[in-house]
Structures are given as C-alpha cells and as structure tokens.
Amino acid sequence: MIIRHFFTLISIVFLVLIIQSCKKDANQPEIDHGLIEAYALDNQLDGEYTSTGLYYVIDEPGAADYPSVNSHITVSYVGYSLAGDVFDEGDFITFRLYEVIAGWQEGLQLIGEGGKIKLVIPSGLAYGSSGSGSIRPNEVIVFDITLHYFSN
C-alpha cells in the first residue's frame, strides 16, 4: 500500500514538472519577442519581423538573385549576445545554408551576393533550450553577416 502511494506521488510530481516545463517553452517566443523589441529600441534599429519571429535589418540588399536553403554560401560574420559579447566570428567561411541554424537559413535568403544583414534571432530559431557553448539556453542572439558569394 505504501509503495503504491509512493509511486502515485512520484508520478504526480513528474507530471507537474512536465507541465511546468511545457509552460516555460510555450512562453519563450513571447519572452524572446520582448527582448528583441527592447534591443531594437535601445540600438535604434529600424528592422522588420518575419512570420517566425526573426528580426532583421538589411544594411545592403546585394544582387538581385538570392540563395536558397540548398545553396553553397560564403560569408563573413560576427555573432554576439544582446549585451554585445562576441561568441563567434569568421571571414569568408563556406558551407551549405541548410547546415546552419534556422535563423540564418531564413535570414540569408533575404539578401543577394554582396548583401549585408543584421539578424536578431529568437532562441527557437537559434540554439533553443539547449544552448551551445557560451550561448545560454533560450538566448536571443545577434549576427552581422555579409554574403560574399553563393551557388546553387
């Protein structure tokens, strides 16, 4: 009898933890949006949102043709936190666009060769609740990217 009550109690605790976890994840897009809004205001950015919550500012649109998610791209970039702490950067790095985070996949299809874009990426389009290296779980991140070349 005691064992059955113990397992019932453990099951209830486990269920409550799962529900709380789901609630936190469900609110994350709203939290990210608020952080992005504050960042844009503080930095006097005049950008736009995509339907997925990606905030972007096109500094230079580049050529008329844009890459697809399957394109090989060559970029230079700086990635940093909302506080301005740089966590990654690279010059003339080449890879397929589908190999990177969803925020890049979506944002880089908005510019052509020679284009420059700032992406303020909500956590769900970046590294989500896992984080990566120095990027914390559920962290909104920023990238300044120049698209040098692409091929399909």
C-alpha atoms as a PDB file:
ATOM      1  CA  MET A   1       0.000   0.000   0.000  1.00  0.00           C
ATOM      2  CA  ILE A   2       2.766   2.440   0.938  1.00  0.00           C
ATOM      3  CA  ILE A   3       4.692   1.584  -2.224  1.00  0.00           C
ATOM      4  CA  ARG A   4       1.640   2.247  -4.396  1.00  0.00           C
ATOM      5  CA  HIS A   5       1.141   5.694  -2.774  1.00  0.00           C
ATOM      6  CA  PHE A   6       4.830   6.428  -3.217  1.00  0.00           C
ATOM      7  CA  PHE A   7       4.643   5.668  -6.947  1.00  0.00           C
ATOM      8  CA  THR A   8       1.462   7.734  -7.266  1.00  0.00           C
ATOM      9  CA  LEU A   9       3.178  10.669  -5.573  1.00  0.00           C
ATOM     10  CA  ILE A  10       6.249  10.337  -7.786  1.00  0.00           C
ATOM     11  CA  SER A  11       4.002  10.204 -10.874  1.00  0.00           C
ATOM     12  CA  ILE A  12       2.184  13.376  -9.827  1.00  0.00           C
ATOM     13  CA  VAL A  13       5.448  15.229  -9.179  1.00  0.00           C
ATOM     14  CA  PHE A  14       6.792  14.104 -12.548  1.00  0.00           C
ATOM     15  CA  LEU A  15       3.600  15.246 -14.311  1.00  0.00           C
ATOM     16  CA  VAL A  16       3.740  18.666 -12.620  1.00  0.00           C
ATOM     17  CA  LEU A  17       7.363  19.102 -13.714  1.00  0.00           C
ATOM     18  CA  ILE A  18       6.479  18.222 -17.303  1.00  0.00           C
ATOM     19  CA  ILE A  19       3.576  20.690 -17.320  1.00  0.00           C
ATOM     20  CA  GLN A  20       5.772  23.463 -15.883  1.00  0.00           C
ATOM     21  CA  SER A  21       8.435  22.740 -18.484  1.00  0.00           C
ATOM     22  CA  CYS A  22       5.872  22.953 -21.294  1.00  0.00           C
ATOM     23  CA  LYS A  23       4.532  26.261 -19.961  1.00  0.00           C
ATOM     24  CA  LYS A  24       8.011  27.765 -19.953  1.00  0.00           C
ATOM     25  CA  ASP A  25       8.667  26.658 -23.539  1.00  0.00           C
ATOM     26  CA  ALA A  26       5.242  27.931 -24.626  1.00  0.00           C
ATOM     27  CA  ASN A  27       6.058  31.414 -23.278  1.00  0.00           C
ATOM     28  CA  GLN A  28       9.573  31.546 -24.738  1.00  0.00           C
ATOM     29  CA  PRO A  29       8.561  33.143 -28.077  1.00  0.00           C
ATOM     30  CA  GLU A  30       6.842  35.963 -26.156  1.00  0.00           C
ATOM     31  CA  ILE A  31       9.868  36.418 -23.901  1.00  0.00           C
ATOM     32  CA  ASP A  32      12.190  36.476 -26.922  1.00  0.00           C
ATOM     33  CA  HIS A  33       9.967  38.990 -28.730  1.00  0.00           C
ATOM     34  CA  GLY A  34      10.121  41.341 -25.735  1.00  0.00           C
ATOM     35  CA  LEU A  35      13.910  41.050 -25.595  1.00  0.00           C
ATOM     36  CA  ILE A  36      14.189  41.716 -29.332  1.00  0.00           C
ATOM     37  CA  GLU A  37      11.881  44.737 -29.097  1.00  0.00           C
ATOM     38  CA  ALA A  38      13.983  46.207 -26.280  1.00  0.00           C
ATOM     39  CA  TYR A  39      17.221  45.520 -28.184  1.00  0.00           C
ATOM     40  CA  ALA A  40      15.880  47.166 -31.347  1.00  0.00           C
ATOM     41  CA  LEU A  41      14.737  50.211 -29.384  1.00  0.00           C
ATOM     42  CA  ASP A  42      17.995  50.526 -27.409  1.00  0.00           C
ATOM     43  CA  ASN A  43      20.066  50.232 -30.594  1.00  0.00           C
ATOM     44  CA  GLN A  44      17.763  52.385 -32.734  1.00  0.00           C
ATOM     45  CA  LEU A  45      17.239  49.616 -35.265  1.00  0.00           C
ATOM     46  CA  ASP A  46      14.651  50.011 -37.989  1.00  0.00           C
ATOM     47  CA  GLY A  47      14.024  46.419 -38.961  1.00  0.00           C
ATOM     48  CA  GLU A  48      11.244  44.002 -39.727  1.00  0.00           C
ATOM     49  CA  TYR A  49       9.977  40.691 -38.382  1.00  0.00           C
ATOM     50  CA  THR A  50       9.356  37.555 -40.375  1.00  0.00           C
ATOM     51  CA  SER A  51       6.365  35.358 -39.565  1.00  0.00           C
ATOM     52  CA  THR A  52       8.630  33.126 -37.436  1.00  0.00           C
ATOM     53  CA  GLY A  53       9.799  35.987 -35.173  1.00  0.00           C
ATOM     54  CA  LEU A  54      13.191  36.608 -36.808  1.00  0.00           C
ATOM     55  CA  TYR A  55      14.065  40.317 -36.660  1.00  0.00           C
ATOM     56  CA  TYR A  56      16.280  41.618 -39.437  1.00  0.00           C
ATOM     57  CA  VAL A  57      17.788  44.810 -40.784  1.00  0.00           C
ATOM     58  CA  ILE A  58      19.079  44.772 -44.337  1.00  0.00           C
ATOM     59  CA  ASP A  59      22.049  47.153 -44.496  1.00  0.00           C
ATOM     60  CA  GLU A  60      22.768  46.339 -48.158  1.00  0.00           C
ATOM     61  CA  PRO A  61      20.433  44.168 -50.236  1.00  0.00           C
ATOM     62  CA  GLY A  62      23.156  42.899 -52.577  1.00  0.00           C
ATOM     63  CA  ALA A  63      22.499  41.455 -56.021  1.00  0.00           C
ATOM     64  CA  ALA A  64      19.011  40.644 -57.299  1.00  0.00           C
ATOM     65  CA  ASP A  65      19.397  36.850 -57.028  1.00  0.00           C
ATOM     66  CA  TYR A  66      19.047  35.316 -53.571  1.00  0.00           C
ATOM     67  CA  PRO A  67      20.325  31.989 -52.239  1.00  0.00           C
ATOM     68  CA  SER A  68      18.077  29.059 -51.444  1.00  0.00           C
ATOM     69  CA  VAL A  69      18.371  26.806 -48.420  1.00  0.00           C
ATOM     70  CA  ASN A  70      20.347  24.360 -50.634  1.00  0.00           C
ATOM     71  CA  SER A  71      22.906  26.948 -51.788  1.00  0.00           C
ATOM     72  CA  HIS A  72      26.611  26.898 -51.003  1.00  0.00           C
ATOM     73  CA  ILE A  73      27.296  30.267 -49.397  1.00  0.00           C
ATOM     74  CA  THR A  74      30.441  32.177 -48.470  1.00  0.00           C
ATOM     75  CA  VAL A  75      30.023  34.663 -45.640  1.00  0.00           C
ATOM     76  CA  SER A  76      31.835  36.801 -43.122  1.00  0.00           C
ATOM     77  CA  TYR A  77      30.069  37.266 -39.799  1.00  0.00           C
ATOM     78  CA  VAL A  78      30.200  38.285 -36.171  1.00  0.00           C
ATOM     79  CA  GLY A  79      27.857  36.663 -33.644  1.00  0.00           C
ATOM     80  CA  TYR A  80      27.178  38.242 -30.277  1.00  0.00           C
ATOM     81  CA  SER A  81      24.812  38.331 -27.339  1.00  0.00           C
ATOM     82  CA  LEU A  82      22.273  41.101 -26.782  1.00  0.00           C
ATOM     83  CA  ALA A  83      24.816  42.549 -24.313  1.00  0.00           C
ATOM     84  CA  GLY A  84      27.374  42.780 -27.136  1.00  0.00           C
ATOM     85  CA  ASP A  85      29.650  39.914 -26.056  1.00  0.00           C
ATOM     86  CA  VAL A  86      31.116  38.268 -29.176  1.00  0.00           C
ATOM     87  CA  PHE A  87      30.830  34.467 -29.143  1.00  0.00           C
ATOM     88  CA  ASP A  88      31.853  33.678 -32.737  1.00  0.00           C
ATOM     89  CA  GLU A  89      33.178  35.278 -35.900  1.00  0.00           C
ATOM     90  CA  GLY A  90      34.535  34.189 -39.238  1.00  0.00           C
ATOM     91  CA  ASP A  91      35.795  35.563 -42.554  1.00  0.00           C
ATOM     92  CA  PHE A  92      34.998  34.005 -45.918  1.00  0.00           C
ATOM     93  CA  ILE A  93      33.530  30.810 -44.444  1.00  0.00           C
ATOM     94  CA  THR A  94      31.806  28.490 -46.948  1.00  0.00           C
ATOM     95  CA  PHE A  95      29.055  25.932 -46.242  1.00  0.00           C
ATOM     96  CA  ARG A  96      25.582  24.886 -47.377  1.00  0.00           C
ATOM     97  CA  LEU A  97      22.875  27.107 -45.984  1.00  0.00           C
ATOM     98  CA  TYR A  98      20.868  24.137 -44.676  1.00  0.00           C
ATOM     99  CA  GLU A  99      23.797  23.264 -42.363  1.00  0.00           C
ATOM    100  CA  VAL A 100      23.290  26.269 -40.081  1.00  0.00           C
ATOM    101  CA  ILE A 101      20.671  27.419 -37.569  1.00  0.00           C
ATOM    102  CA  ALA A 102      17.159  28.201 -38.791  1.00  0.00           C
ATOM    103  CA  GLY A 103      17.607  31.957 -38.226  1.00  0.00           C
ATOM    104  CA  TRP A 104      20.471  32.009 -40.732  1.00  0.00           C
ATOM    105  CA  GLN A 105      18.596  29.800 -43.179  1.00  0.00           C
ATOM    106  CA  GLU A 106      15.684  32.203 -43.186  1.00  0.00           C
ATOM    107  CA  GLY A 107      17.601  35.478 -42.972  1.00  0.00           C
ATOM    108  CA  LEU A 108      20.245  34.875 -45.615  1.00  0.00           C
ATOM    109  CA  GLN A 109      17.570  34.150 -48.212  1.00  0.00           C
ATOM    110  CA  LEU A 110      16.594  37.843 -47.891  1.00  0.00           C
ATOM    111  CA  ILE A 111      19.812  39.215 -49.448  1.00  0.00           C
ATOM    112  CA  GLY A 112      21.912  38.627 -52.543  1.00  0.00           C
ATOM    113  CA  GLU A 113      25.655  38.484 -53.163  1.00  0.00           C
ATOM    114  CA  GLY A 114      27.361  41.489 -51.593  1.00  0.00           C
ATOM    115  CA  GLY A 115      24.443  41.949 -49.211  1.00  0.00           C
ATOM    116  CA  LYS A 116      24.771  42.762 -45.528  1.00  0.00           C
ATOM    117  CA  ILE A 117      22.203  41.906 -42.900  1.00  0.00           C
ATOM    118  CA  LYS A 118      21.770  42.059 -39.140  1.00  0.00           C
ATOM    119  CA  LEU A 119      19.802  39.130 -37.737  1.00  0.00           C
ATOM    120  CA  VAL A 120      18.356  39.243 -34.224  1.00  0.00           C
ATOM    121  CA  ILE A 121      17.456  35.613 -33.773  1.00  0.00           C
ATOM    122  CA  PRO A 122      14.941  34.341 -31.220  1.00  0.00           C
ATOM    123  CA  SER A 123      16.098  31.313 -29.287  1.00  0.00           C
ATOM    124  CA  GLY A 124      13.722  28.970 -31.114  1.00  0.00           C
ATOM    125  CA  LEU A 125      15.489  29.761 -34.408  1.00  0.00           C
ATOM    126  CA  ALA A 126      18.937  29.585 -32.789  1.00  0.00           C
ATOM    127  CA  TYR A 127      20.006  27.043 -30.171  1.00  0.00           C
ATOM    128  CA  GLY A 128      16.716  26.727 -28.263  1.00  0.00           C
ATOM    129  CA  SER A 129      16.521  25.390 -24.751  1.00  0.00           C
ATOM    130  CA  SER A 130      19.844  23.538 -25.135  1.00  0.00           C
ATOM    131  CA  GLY A 131      22.158  26.442 -25.837  1.00  0.00           C
ATOM    132  CA  SER A 132      25.566  25.804 -27.387  1.00  0.00           C
ATOM    133  CA  GLY A 133      28.988  26.548 -25.932  1.00  0.00           C
ATOM    134  CA  SER A 134      28.854  30.037 -24.429  1.00  0.00           C
ATOM    135  CA  ILE A 135      25.327  30.599 -25.782  1.00  0.00           C
ATOM    136  CA  ARG A 136      22.926  30.059 -22.886  1.00  0.00           C
ATOM    137  CA  PRO A 137      19.695  28.074 -23.178  1.00  0.00           C
ATOM    138  CA  ASN A 138      16.844  30.200 -24.602  1.00  0.00           C
ATOM    139  CA  GLU A 139      19.213  33.035 -25.508  1.00  0.00           C
ATOM    140  CA  VAL A 140      18.371  35.548 -28.229  1.00  0.00           C
ATOM    141  CA  ILE A 141      21.484  36.126 -30.355  1.00  0.00           C
ATOM    142  CA  VAL A 142      22.604  38.645 -32.973  1.00  0.00           C
ATOM    143  CA  PHE A 143      24.630  38.235 -36.150  1.00  0.00           C
ATOM    144  CA  ASP A 144      26.056  40.793 -38.549  1.00  0.00           C
ATOM    145  CA  ILE A 145      26.569  38.919 -41.814  1.00  0.00           C
ATOM    146  CA  THR A 146      27.977  39.750 -45.234  1.00  0.00           C
ATOM    147  CA  LEU A 147      27.035  37.337 -48.010  1.00  0.00           C
ATOM    148  CA  HIS A 148      30.030  37.307 -50.366  1.00  0.00           C
ATOM    149  CA  TYR A 149      29.044  34.539 -52.802  1.00  0.00           C
ATOM    150  CA  PHE A 150      26.566  31.750 -53.298  1.00  0.00           C
ATOM    151  CA  SER A 151      25.979  28.973 -55.790  1.00  0.00           C
ATOM    152  CA  ASN A 152      23.052  26.624 -56.177  1.00  0.00           C
END
